[in-house]
Amino acid sequence: MTTDLIIGFFTLTALEIVLGIDNLVFISILASKLPEHQQARARQWGIGLALISRLALLGSITLIMQLTAPLFSVAGHDFSGQSLILLVGGLFLIGKATYEIHDSLEGEEDHAGSAVRATLGAVLVQIVALDIVFSLDSVITAVGMIGDQPYGIWAMVAAVVIAVIVMLVLAAPLSRFVHKHPTVKMLALAFLLLIGMTLVADGLGFHVPKGYIYTAMGFSLFVEVLNLLRRRSRSAPVKLSSRYSDEGPAGEGRKDEAGEGAGGEGAGAETAADGEDRTLAASTEGAQGPSSDQGSAKPE
């Protein structure tokens, strides 16, 4: 076993885990359409089918790599069996991810009804198609890295098995995390769009290095983690600072005190005005008193 094979094995294992997690996220999204008691079973079957499809494709890797003979030509571009598989798989991922994004943003509010309408068989068919597409991309990536080295096939099998074990361990917690944070679900669907576009480009003869794709996905995931941490730490300071702001209870107390002061000044002004009215009335009565007495004394 050479050093290149060991390095390639660990690199391939990391890539298989990343691709397997994205596969698992989409399996969780599809399984969420089922009743709750069937979701765990659908995830387990989906992961098991992912392992079977990957190992089956690795077993027939010689046949797959021989599907490079041109079948027909369109606009000067030759299409082989391998390119057609990549093209169809990429279009499937793009269409399915677009539908899920539209259903999440513009779909019906009553998700319980849609979950009842979905059947386990229909969901498993979609999971099988998804597993085949991801398995094909996974196997082609593995062959491109260590397929031509001695014991390369065993290294690829070991990397695939390790990735599937990681999928089994992360199935339940990752499903809860994705459905708790809708932005993570949207990011995972965007990753599916990116992988689908990459497969379509490969099918049309435009090879995109996997390193670029995984770097973009890793950076996007890093930014989303920062956003989640920011939203989690932002709630406490807002509640704490509102207690001491002018809009809080203290501010209301100051407003009440100001209102009471204004009311006191108003009451004092009213008291002074009443006193002036009484003084004016008394002086008026005093002025009218003697004149009335004099008027009554003249007849005598």
Protein backbone atom coordinates (compact mmCIF):
# COMPACT_ATOMS: atom_id res chain seq x y z
CA MET A 1 0.00 0.00 0.00
CA THR A 2 1.60 3.23 -1.20
CA THR A 3 1.55 6.70 0.34
CA ASP A 4 -0.50 8.03 -2.58
CA LEU A 5 -3.13 5.38 -1.94
CA ILE A 6 -3.31 6.24 1.78
CA ILE A 7 -3.65 9.97 1.08
CA GLY A 8 -6.20 9.27 -1.63
CA PHE A 9 -8.16 7.01 0.72
CA PHE A 10 -8.51 9.67 3.44
CA THR A 11 -9.32 12.36 0.88
CA LEU A 12 -11.90 10.13 -0.78
CA THR A 13 -13.41 9.24 2.61
CA ALA A 14 -13.85 12.94 3.43
CA LEU A 15 -15.46 13.61 0.04
CA GLU A 16 -17.73 10.58 0.41
CA ILE A 17 -18.86 11.79 3.84
CA VAL A 18 -19.64 15.27 2.47
CA LEU A 19 -21.55 13.81 -0.46
CA GLY A 20 -23.27 11.30 1.83
CA ILE A 21 -24.43 14.03 4.24
CA ASP A 22 -25.96 15.97 1.36
CA ASN A 23 -27.62 12.76 0.23
CA LEU A 24 -28.88 12.21 3.77
CA VAL A 25 -30.31 15.74 3.98
CA PHE A 26 -32.37 15.16 0.85
CA ILE A 27 -33.49 11.76 2.15
CA SER A 28 -34.66 13.50 5.33
CA ILE A 29 -36.56 16.10 3.29
CA LEU A 30 -38.32 13.37 1.32
CA ALA A 31 -39.03 11.31 4.44
CA SER A 32 -40.61 14.33 6.16
CA LYS A 33 -43.56 14.04 3.75
CA LEU A 34 -44.52 10.75 5.39
CA PRO A 35 -46.43 10.24 8.65
CA GLU A 36 -44.15 10.58 11.64
CA HIS A 37 -44.11 6.87 12.50
CA GLN A 38 -42.79 6.01 8.99
CA GLN A 39 -40.08 8.67 8.69
CA ALA A 40 -37.36 6.79 10.59
CA ARG A 41 -38.04 3.63 8.55
CA ALA A 42 -37.79 5.57 5.28
CA ARG A 43 -34.46 7.10 6.34
CA GLN A 44 -33.03 3.71 7.30
CA TRP A 45 -34.16 2.10 4.07
CA GLY A 46 -32.83 5.03 2.08
CA ILE A 47 -29.39 4.76 3.68
CA GLY A 48 -29.35 1.00 3.18
CA LEU A 49 -30.26 1.41 -0.48
CA ALA A 50 -27.53 4.04 -0.80
CA LEU A 51 -24.95 1.51 0.42
CA ILE A 52 -26.27 -1.21 -1.89
CA SER A 53 -26.30 1.06 -4.95
CA ARG A 54 -22.79 2.34 -4.26
CA LEU A 55 -21.35 -1.15 -3.82
CA ALA A 56 -23.21 -2.38 -6.91
CA LEU A 57 -21.81 0.45 -8.98
CA LEU A 58 -18.32 -0.22 -7.63
CA GLY A 59 -18.72 -3.87 -8.61
CA SER A 60 -19.68 -2.89 -12.14
CA ILE A 61 -17.18 -0.05 -12.35
CA THR A 62 -15.45 -1.62 -15.34
CA LEU A 63 -18.70 -1.63 -17.29
CA ILE A 64 -19.49 1.95 -16.30
CA MET A 65 -16.07 3.25 -17.30
CA GLN A 66 -16.43 1.51 -20.67
CA LEU A 67 -19.61 3.46 -21.49
CA THR A 68 -17.53 6.10 -23.23
CA ALA A 69 -18.17 5.06 -26.82
CA PRO A 70 -20.16 7.73 -28.70
CA LEU A 71 -23.78 6.76 -29.29
CA PHE A 72 -24.92 9.80 -31.29
CA SER A 73 -23.89 13.36 -31.96
CA VAL A 74 -25.82 16.63 -31.51
CA ALA A 75 -24.45 20.00 -32.67
CA GLY A 76 -21.00 18.54 -33.01
CA HIS A 77 -20.97 17.02 -29.51
CA ASP A 78 -20.79 13.26 -29.03
CA PHE A 79 -22.99 11.70 -26.36
CA SER A 80 -21.94 8.42 -24.76
CA GLY A 81 -23.78 6.20 -22.31
CA GLN A 82 -21.86 7.68 -19.39
CA SER A 83 -22.59 11.26 -20.44
CA LEU A 84 -26.29 10.46 -20.84
CA ILE A 85 -26.41 8.97 -17.33
CA LEU A 86 -24.74 12.08 -15.90
CA LEU A 87 -27.03 14.37 -17.88
CA VAL A 88 -30.23 12.61 -16.80
CA GLY A 89 -29.07 12.40 -13.18
CA GLY A 90 -28.15 16.09 -13.10
CA LEU A 91 -31.48 17.12 -14.59
CA PHE A 92 -33.25 14.96 -12.01
CA LEU A 93 -31.43 16.69 -9.15
CA ILE A 94 -32.11 20.16 -10.58
CA GLY A 95 -35.80 19.43 -11.12
CA LYS A 96 -36.31 17.79 -7.73
CA ALA A 97 -34.43 20.49 -5.80
CA THR A 98 -36.34 23.23 -7.63
CA TYR A 99 -39.65 21.55 -6.81
CA GLU A 100 -38.74 21.19 -3.14
CA ILE A 101 -37.66 24.85 -2.90
CA HIS A 102 -40.92 25.98 -4.53
CA ASP A 103 -42.97 23.67 -2.30
CA SER A 104 -41.24 25.00 0.82
CA LEU A 105 -41.70 28.67 -0.08
CA GLU A 106 -44.93 28.72 -2.10
CA GLY A 107 -46.60 25.45 -1.14
CA GLU A 108 -49.69 24.90 0.96
CA GLU A 109 -49.59 25.81 4.63
CA ASP A 110 -51.19 22.53 5.69
CA HIS A 111 -48.17 20.23 5.62
CA ALA A 112 -49.96 17.59 7.64
CA GLY A 113 -52.34 16.92 4.76
CA SER A 114 -49.50 16.58 2.26
CA ALA A 115 -47.70 14.21 4.64
CA VAL A 116 -50.75 11.95 4.75
CA ARG A 117 -51.07 11.96 0.94
CA ALA A 118 -47.46 10.79 0.52
CA THR A 119 -46.96 7.04 0.59
CA LEU A 120 -43.94 5.08 1.71
CA GLY A 121 -43.59 3.41 -1.69
CA ALA A 122 -43.61 6.71 -3.61
CA VAL A 123 -41.04 8.23 -1.28
CA LEU A 124 -38.79 5.16 -1.52
CA VAL A 125 -38.89 5.32 -5.33
CA GLN A 126 -37.64 8.91 -5.19
CA ILE A 127 -35.00 7.96 -2.63
CA VAL A 128 -33.77 5.10 -4.84
CA ALA A 129 -33.46 7.45 -7.84
CA LEU A 130 -31.63 9.96 -5.66
CA ASP A 131 -29.29 7.27 -4.29
CA ILE A 132 -28.42 6.09 -7.79
CA VAL A 133 -27.53 9.62 -8.91
CA PHE A 134 -25.41 10.31 -5.84
CA SER A 135 -23.83 6.87 -6.03
CA LEU A 136 -22.86 7.40 -9.65
CA ASP A 137 -21.25 10.74 -8.85
CA SER A 138 -19.54 9.18 -5.84
CA VAL A 139 -18.16 6.23 -7.78
CA ILE A 140 -16.91 8.37 -10.67
CA THR A 141 -15.16 10.65 -8.17
CA ALA A 142 -13.60 7.63 -6.44
CA VAL A 143 -12.37 6.10 -9.67
CA GLY A 144 -10.88 9.41 -10.75
CA MET A 145 -8.88 9.63 -7.53
CA ILE A 146 -7.57 6.13 -6.74
CA GLY A 147 -9.16 3.79 -9.27
CA ASP A 148 -5.94 3.08 -11.18
CA GLN A 149 -3.83 2.22 -8.11
CA PRO A 150 -3.20 -1.26 -6.65
CA TYR A 151 -5.87 -2.20 -4.10
CA GLY A 152 -7.78 0.88 -5.24
CA ILE A 153 -11.09 -0.97 -5.40
CA TRP A 154 -10.78 -2.02 -1.75
CA ALA A 155 -9.92 1.52 -0.71
CA MET A 156 -13.02 2.77 -2.53
CA VAL A 157 -15.21 0.15 -0.86
CA ALA A 158 -13.82 1.07 2.57
CA ALA A 159 -14.41 4.79 1.96
CA VAL A 160 -18.00 4.15 0.87
CA VAL A 161 -18.73 1.93 3.89
CA ILE A 162 -17.30 4.53 6.30
CA ALA A 163 -19.41 7.26 4.69
CA VAL A 164 -22.57 5.15 5.00
CA ILE A 165 -21.81 4.43 8.68
CA VAL A 166 -21.53 8.18 9.27
CA MET A 167 -24.87 8.62 7.51
CA LEU A 168 -26.48 6.06 9.83
CA VAL A 169 -25.11 7.79 12.93
CA LEU A 170 -26.17 11.27 11.82
CA ALA A 171 -29.55 10.33 10.34
CA ALA A 172 -31.85 11.22 13.27
CA PRO A 173 -30.01 14.28 14.69
CA LEU A 174 -29.37 15.74 11.25
CA SER A 175 -33.02 15.33 10.31
CA ARG A 176 -34.14 17.17 13.46
CA PHE A 177 -31.58 19.92 12.88
CA VAL A 178 -32.61 20.48 9.26
CA HIS A 179 -36.31 20.74 10.09
CA LYS A 180 -35.59 23.02 13.06
CA HIS A 181 -33.62 25.47 10.90
CA PRO A 182 -35.37 26.17 7.56
CA THR A 183 -32.38 28.15 6.25
CA VAL A 184 -30.22 25.02 6.49
CA LYS A 185 -32.83 23.15 4.45
CA MET A 186 -32.72 25.85 1.77
CA LEU A 187 -28.91 25.70 1.76
CA ALA A 188 -28.97 21.91 1.33
CA LEU A 189 -31.39 22.23 -1.59
CA ALA A 190 -29.10 24.87 -3.11
CA PHE A 191 -26.24 22.36 -2.79
CA LEU A 192 -28.35 19.84 -4.71
CA LEU A 193 -28.85 22.42 -7.46
CA LEU A 194 -25.10 22.97 -7.57
CA ILE A 195 -24.34 19.25 -7.77
CA GLY A 196 -27.03 18.80 -10.43
CA MET A 197 -25.56 21.59 -12.54
CA THR A 198 -22.11 19.99 -12.16
CA LEU A 199 -23.43 16.64 -13.40
CA VAL A 200 -25.13 18.32 -16.36
CA ALA A 201 -21.89 20.12 -17.21
CA ASP A 202 -19.97 16.83 -17.03
CA GLY A 203 -22.57 15.19 -19.24
CA LEU A 204 -22.13 17.95 -21.82
CA GLY A 205 -18.35 17.60 -21.76
CA PHE A 206 -17.49 20.53 -19.49
CA HIS A 207 -15.61 19.11 -16.52
CA VAL A 208 -15.76 21.16 -13.33
CA PRO A 209 -13.10 20.26 -10.71
CA LYS A 210 -14.70 18.85 -7.57
CA GLY A 211 -12.44 20.99 -5.41
CA TYR A 212 -14.16 24.16 -6.60
CA ILE A 213 -17.59 22.73 -5.84
CA TYR A 214 -16.74 21.50 -2.35
CA THR A 215 -14.91 24.74 -1.52
CA ALA A 216 -17.98 26.78 -2.45
CA MET A 217 -20.21 24.44 -0.44
CA GLY A 218 -17.90 24.58 2.56
CA PHE A 219 -17.75 28.38 2.51
CA SER A 220 -21.54 28.64 2.27
CA LEU A 221 -21.92 26.23 5.17
CA PHE A 222 -19.42 28.24 7.23
CA VAL A 223 -21.39 31.45 6.62
CA GLU A 224 -24.63 29.71 7.61
CA VAL A 225 -23.05 28.47 10.85
CA LEU A 226 -22.02 32.05 11.66
CA ASN A 227 -25.59 33.23 11.00
CA LEU A 228 -27.01 30.54 13.29
CA LEU A 229 -24.59 31.50 16.07
CA ARG A 230 -25.43 35.18 15.60
CA ARG A 231 -29.18 34.56 15.81
CA ARG A 232 -28.71 32.44 18.92
CA SER A 233 -26.58 35.03 20.75
CA ARG A 234 -28.65 38.02 19.65
CA SER A 235 -31.80 37.20 21.66
CA ALA A 236 -30.33 37.63 25.17
CA PRO A 237 -28.80 41.14 24.71
CA VAL A 238 -32.03 42.44 23.19
CA LYS A 239 -34.09 41.32 26.18
CA LEU A 240 -31.49 42.56 28.64
CA SER A 241 -31.06 46.02 27.13
CA SER A 242 -34.80 46.62 26.83
CA ARG A 243 -35.08 46.68 30.62
CA TYR A 244 -32.94 49.79 30.79
CA SER A 245 -34.10 51.61 27.68
CA ASP A 246 -36.33 54.69 27.68
CA GLU A 247 -39.14 52.60 26.28
CA GLY A 248 -39.14 50.15 29.19
CA PRO A 249 -40.78 50.35 32.61
CA ALA A 250 -38.28 52.95 33.84
CA GLY A 251 -39.17 55.22 30.95
CA GLU A 252 -42.84 54.77 31.72
CA GLY A 253 -42.17 55.72 35.34
CA ARG A 254 -40.44 58.90 34.25
CA LYS A 255 -43.34 59.68 31.96
CA ASP A 256 -45.80 59.13 34.83
CA GLU A 257 -43.76 61.39 37.12
CA ALA A 258 -43.73 64.07 34.48
CA GLY A 259 -47.47 63.69 34.07
CA GLU A 260 -48.01 63.97 37.82
CA GLY A 261 -45.86 67.12 37.95
CA ALA A 262 -47.83 68.66 35.15
CA GLY A 263 -51.05 67.69 36.91
CA GLY A 264 -49.86 69.31 40.16
CA GLU A 265 -49.03 72.56 38.41
CA GLY A 266 -52.44 72.49 36.73
CA ALA A 267 -54.17 71.95 40.09
CA GLY A 268 -52.27 74.87 41.63
CA ALA A 269 -53.30 77.12 38.77
CA GLU A 270 -56.93 76.09 39.18
CA THR A 271 -56.80 76.83 42.96
CA ALA A 272 -55.40 80.32 42.36
CA ALA A 273 -58.09 81.03 39.76
CA ASP A 274 -60.83 79.94 42.17
CA GLY A 275 -59.44 82.24 44.86
CA GLU A 276 -59.46 85.21 42.50
CA ASP A 277 -63.08 84.46 41.53
CA ARG A 278 -64.19 84.37 45.16
CA THR A 279 -62.41 87.67 45.94
CA LEU A 280 -64.03 89.33 42.94
CA ALA A 281 -67.48 88.05 43.98
CA ALA A 282 -67.03 89.32 47.55
CA SER A 283 -65.99 92.77 46.37
CA THR A 284 -69.00 92.92 44.07
CA GLU A 285 -71.39 92.02 46.88
CA GLY A 286 -69.78 94.65 49.14
CA ALA A 287 -70.26 97.31 46.51
CA GLN A 288 -73.94 96.41 45.98
CA GLY A 289 -74.82 96.20 49.72
CA PRO A 290 -74.90 99.95 50.75
CA SER A 291 -76.65 101.06 47.60
CA SER A 292 -79.49 98.68 48.24
CA ASP A 293 -79.87 99.91 51.84
CA GLN A 294 -80.00 103.55 50.75
CA GLY A 295 -82.59 102.74 48.13
CA SER A 296 -84.87 101.13 50.72
CA ALA A 297 -84.55 104.03 53.22
CA LYS A 298 -85.82 106.87 50.93
CA PRO A 299 -89.57 106.13 51.13
CA GLU A 300 -89.58 106.64 54.87
